[in-house]
Amino acid sequence: MLIEALQLLIQLNGAVFLNIANALEVAGYIIILALVTGLPIGMLTGVHTFRFRRLVLYLLHIWLFLPATGLGIFISYLHTDQFISPLGFIFWGALLTIPIIAGLTADVFSSDSRATRDETLALGASRWQMYATMARQKREQIYGVVTVGIARVFTEIGGFYLMISFVFKQGFPSVPVFELSNAPEHLAVAIGLFLFGVLVYSGLHIVQFKKDT
């Protein structure tokens, strides 16, 4: 089956690549929502002290162990007797990814950011200036968090394809619908997403490497 899936990619199978394009569009929306929401939440949680902060950090870290793909498919199928819509999958994916990005970002800003916060505010900077200063200081670590978030999104979507291929024998929720008729086609989509994710990561890594040299 693996060979058949690779052949479909090499042959530029239309249904496979159209499904890859749909999945990449969904992944893009999930990544944007997760980063725009998760990074600020993580930064605020890491920098500031508040009641139940330890509990919040604990819950964010527990989220890393959640079997997101299987749980998402099970819940959506249990409640609707059919798979969630593309919009629903976007929000579900963002809901699963936001706590991960927030938790990792909180770890980045929990170490020595409070001293920087106090020093920056003592010099007369506003809170927005303080956040900007700390973000610049932690930009490499933030880059790592963004990379992990992107990888998680591609992992979940790829896992979704494999799950529905082998278990439910259904296609990915997309509009318009491009039917996938067999398991090798689903596997080809998952492999294509993996390769695209590797390409994105390699591009980000090259850009970061050039900045460091």
Protein backbone atom coordinates (compact mmCIF):
# COMPACT_ATOMS: atom_id res chain seq x y z
CA MET A 1 0.00 0.00 0.00
CA LEU A 2 2.89 2.34 0.72
CA ILE A 3 4.26 1.83 -2.78
CA GLU A 4 0.83 2.51 -4.25
CA ALA A 5 0.54 5.72 -2.22
CA LEU A 6 3.94 6.90 -3.40
CA GLN A 7 3.00 6.13 -6.98
CA LEU A 8 -0.11 8.28 -6.63
CA LEU A 9 2.06 11.19 -5.48
CA ILE A 10 4.57 10.69 -8.27
CA GLN A 11 1.76 10.47 -10.83
CA LEU A 12 0.24 13.71 -9.47
CA ASN A 13 -3.13 12.08 -8.86
CA GLY A 14 -5.78 14.79 -9.07
CA ALA A 15 -7.99 13.73 -6.15
CA VAL A 16 -4.98 13.26 -3.87
CA PHE A 17 -3.50 16.66 -4.59
CA LEU A 18 -6.84 18.44 -4.37
CA ASN A 19 -7.34 16.90 -0.93
CA ILE A 20 -3.83 17.94 0.05
CA ALA A 21 -4.67 21.49 -1.04
CA ASN A 22 -7.87 21.44 1.03
CA ALA A 23 -6.00 20.09 4.05
CA LEU A 24 -3.30 22.75 3.71
CA GLU A 25 -5.96 25.45 3.66
CA VAL A 26 -7.48 24.03 6.84
CA ALA A 27 -4.03 23.74 8.41
CA GLY A 28 -3.27 27.36 7.58
CA TYR A 29 -6.37 28.61 9.36
CA ILE A 30 -5.64 26.40 12.37
CA ILE A 31 -2.05 27.63 12.62
CA ILE A 32 -3.10 31.29 12.41
CA LEU A 33 -5.78 30.89 15.09
CA ALA A 34 -3.48 28.89 17.34
CA LEU A 35 -0.54 31.30 17.10
CA VAL A 36 -2.58 34.49 17.39
CA THR A 37 -4.31 33.13 20.49
CA GLY A 38 -1.77 30.78 22.07
CA LEU A 39 1.31 33.02 22.02
CA PRO A 40 -0.31 35.94 23.94
CA ILE A 41 -1.94 33.59 26.45
CA GLY A 42 1.36 31.83 27.06
CA MET A 43 3.28 35.06 27.39
CA LEU A 44 0.83 36.54 29.89
CA THR A 45 0.76 33.30 31.88
CA GLY A 46 4.54 33.08 31.97
CA VAL A 47 5.25 36.70 32.85
CA HIS A 48 2.56 37.47 35.41
CA THR A 49 1.65 35.94 38.75
CA PHE A 50 -2.01 35.32 39.51
CA ARG A 51 -4.23 33.00 41.49
CA PHE A 52 -4.38 29.43 40.22
CA ARG A 53 -1.42 30.07 37.91
CA ARG A 54 0.15 26.71 38.76
CA LEU A 55 -3.12 24.96 37.99
CA VAL A 56 -3.36 26.72 34.63
CA LEU A 57 0.20 25.69 33.73
CA TYR A 58 -0.53 22.14 34.85
CA LEU A 59 -3.60 21.89 32.63
CA LEU A 60 -1.75 23.38 29.65
CA HIS A 61 1.03 20.81 29.99
CA ILE A 62 -1.41 17.92 30.48
CA TRP A 63 -2.86 18.86 27.08
CA LEU A 64 0.37 17.64 25.46
CA PHE A 65 -0.61 14.06 26.29
CA LEU A 66 -4.07 14.27 24.76
CA PRO A 67 -4.62 11.82 21.86
CA ALA A 68 -6.06 14.62 19.80
CA THR A 69 -6.78 12.91 16.49
CA GLY A 70 -8.61 9.89 17.85
CA LEU A 71 -10.52 11.91 20.42
CA GLY A 72 -11.61 14.52 17.89
CA ILE A 73 -12.89 11.95 15.44
CA PHE A 74 -14.70 10.02 18.18
CA ILE A 75 -16.44 13.08 19.64
CA SER A 76 -17.50 14.47 16.27
CA TYR A 77 -18.82 11.11 15.09
CA LEU A 78 -20.55 10.38 18.42
CA HIS A 79 -22.51 13.64 18.47
CA THR A 80 -23.39 14.17 14.83
CA ASP A 81 -23.25 10.66 13.32
CA GLN A 82 -21.00 12.22 10.70
CA PHE A 83 -17.67 13.98 10.61
CA ILE A 84 -17.36 17.62 11.44
CA SER A 85 -17.45 20.28 8.74
CA PRO A 86 -14.28 22.04 7.56
CA LEU A 87 -15.11 25.06 9.75
CA GLY A 88 -15.73 22.79 12.72
CA PHE A 89 -12.45 20.99 12.10
CA ILE A 90 -10.62 24.33 12.00
CA PHE A 91 -11.96 25.31 15.41
CA TRP A 92 -11.39 21.81 16.79
CA GLY A 93 -7.79 21.82 15.57
CA ALA A 94 -7.19 25.29 16.99
CA LEU A 95 -8.72 24.24 20.31
CA LEU A 96 -6.30 21.33 20.49
CA THR A 97 -3.26 23.35 19.44
CA ILE A 98 -3.76 26.60 21.38
CA PRO A 99 -3.08 25.06 24.84
CA ILE A 100 0.09 23.41 23.54
CA ILE A 101 1.47 26.66 22.14
CA ALA A 102 0.35 28.55 25.26
CA GLY A 103 2.00 26.04 27.57
CA LEU A 104 5.31 26.03 25.71
CA THR A 105 5.29 29.83 25.47
CA ALA A 106 4.58 30.11 29.20
CA ASP A 107 7.65 27.95 29.86
CA VAL A 108 9.75 30.26 27.69
CA PHE A 109 8.69 33.34 29.65
CA SER A 110 8.65 31.77 33.11
CA SER A 111 12.41 31.52 33.61
CA ASP A 112 13.89 35.02 33.85
CA SER A 113 11.23 37.27 32.34
CA ARG A 114 10.02 38.70 35.63
CA ALA A 115 13.33 40.45 36.26
CA THR A 116 13.20 41.90 32.74
CA ARG A 117 9.60 42.96 33.35
CA ASP A 118 10.48 44.83 36.54
CA GLU A 119 13.55 46.47 35.00
CA THR A 120 11.67 47.58 31.89
CA LEU A 121 8.76 49.03 33.84
CA ALA A 122 11.16 50.76 36.23
CA LEU A 123 12.72 52.56 33.25
CA GLY A 124 9.31 54.03 32.39
CA ALA A 125 8.29 51.70 29.57
CA SER A 126 4.65 50.95 28.95
CA ARG A 127 3.28 47.42 29.23
CA TRP A 128 3.22 47.05 25.45
CA GLN A 129 6.86 48.15 25.25
CA MET A 130 7.69 45.68 28.01
CA TYR A 131 6.04 42.83 26.11
CA ALA A 132 7.83 43.82 22.90
CA THR A 133 11.20 43.90 24.68
CA MET A 134 10.72 40.46 26.18
CA ALA A 135 9.50 39.05 22.87
CA ARG A 136 12.67 40.29 21.15
CA GLN A 137 14.82 38.72 23.85
CA LYS A 138 13.03 35.38 23.52
CA ARG A 139 12.60 35.37 19.76
CA GLU A 140 14.64 32.20 19.22
CA GLN A 141 12.64 30.27 21.79
CA ILE A 142 9.40 31.65 20.34
CA TYR A 143 10.56 30.42 16.95
CA GLY A 144 10.89 26.95 18.46
CA VAL A 145 7.37 27.13 19.88
CA VAL A 146 5.97 28.18 16.49
CA THR A 147 7.78 25.26 14.85
CA VAL A 148 6.32 22.78 17.34
CA GLY A 149 2.84 24.25 16.81
CA ILE A 150 3.07 23.92 13.05
CA ALA A 151 4.35 20.36 13.38
CA ARG A 152 1.47 19.47 15.71
CA VAL A 153 -1.11 20.78 13.24
CA PHE A 154 0.33 18.78 10.35
CA THR A 155 0.60 15.71 12.59
CA GLU A 156 -3.04 15.89 13.60
CA ILE A 157 -4.35 16.44 10.08
CA GLY A 158 -2.15 13.65 8.71
CA GLY A 159 -3.30 11.38 11.51
CA PHE A 160 -6.89 12.28 10.74
CA TYR A 161 -6.48 11.09 7.17
CA LEU A 162 -4.95 7.80 8.25
CA MET A 163 -7.60 7.23 10.91
CA ILE A 164 -10.58 7.75 8.63
CA SER A 165 -8.91 5.69 5.93
CA PHE A 166 -8.35 2.57 8.00
CA VAL A 167 -11.19 2.82 10.51
CA PHE A 168 -14.12 4.72 9.00
CA LYS A 169 -13.38 4.45 5.27
CA GLN A 170 -14.44 8.06 4.71
CA GLY A 171 -12.91 11.18 3.24
CA PHE A 172 -11.69 14.42 4.74
CA PRO A 173 -14.36 17.09 5.31
CA SER A 174 -13.76 19.58 2.55
CA VAL A 175 -15.67 21.91 0.30
CA PRO A 176 -15.80 21.11 -2.55
CA VAL A 177 -15.59 17.36 -1.91
CA PHE A 178 -12.97 15.38 -3.85
CA GLU A 179 -13.68 11.73 -3.07
CA LEU A 180 -10.89 9.37 -2.07
CA SER A 181 -11.88 5.83 -2.96
CA ASN A 182 -9.30 3.66 -1.17
CA ALA A 183 -6.73 3.49 1.61
CA PRO A 184 -3.65 4.17 -0.59
CA GLU A 185 -5.17 7.50 -1.64
CA HIS A 186 -5.67 8.49 2.02
CA LEU A 187 -2.14 7.40 2.82
CA ALA A 188 -0.83 9.40 -0.15
CA VAL A 189 -2.52 12.52 1.24
CA ALA A 190 -0.99 11.91 4.67
CA ILE A 191 2.46 11.43 3.15
CA GLY A 192 2.01 14.57 1.06
CA LEU A 193 1.14 16.57 4.16
CA PHE A 194 4.17 15.16 5.95
CA LEU A 195 6.46 16.13 3.08
CA PHE A 196 4.97 19.62 2.92
CA GLY A 197 5.43 20.00 6.68
CA VAL A 198 9.08 18.97 6.35
CA LEU A 199 9.47 21.51 3.56
CA VAL A 200 7.98 24.29 5.70
CA TYR A 201 10.17 23.37 8.67
CA SER A 202 13.27 23.25 6.47
CA GLY A 203 12.47 26.71 5.11
CA LEU A 204 12.02 28.14 8.60
CA HIS A 205 15.23 26.45 9.74
CA ILE A 206 17.19 27.91 6.84
CA VAL A 207 15.87 31.39 7.55
CA GLN A 208 16.78 31.07 11.24
CA PHE A 209 20.23 29.72 10.36
CA LYS A 210 20.94 32.68 8.08
CA LYS A 211 19.95 35.09 10.86
CA ASP A 212 22.33 33.40 13.30
CA THR A 213 25.30 33.51 10.92
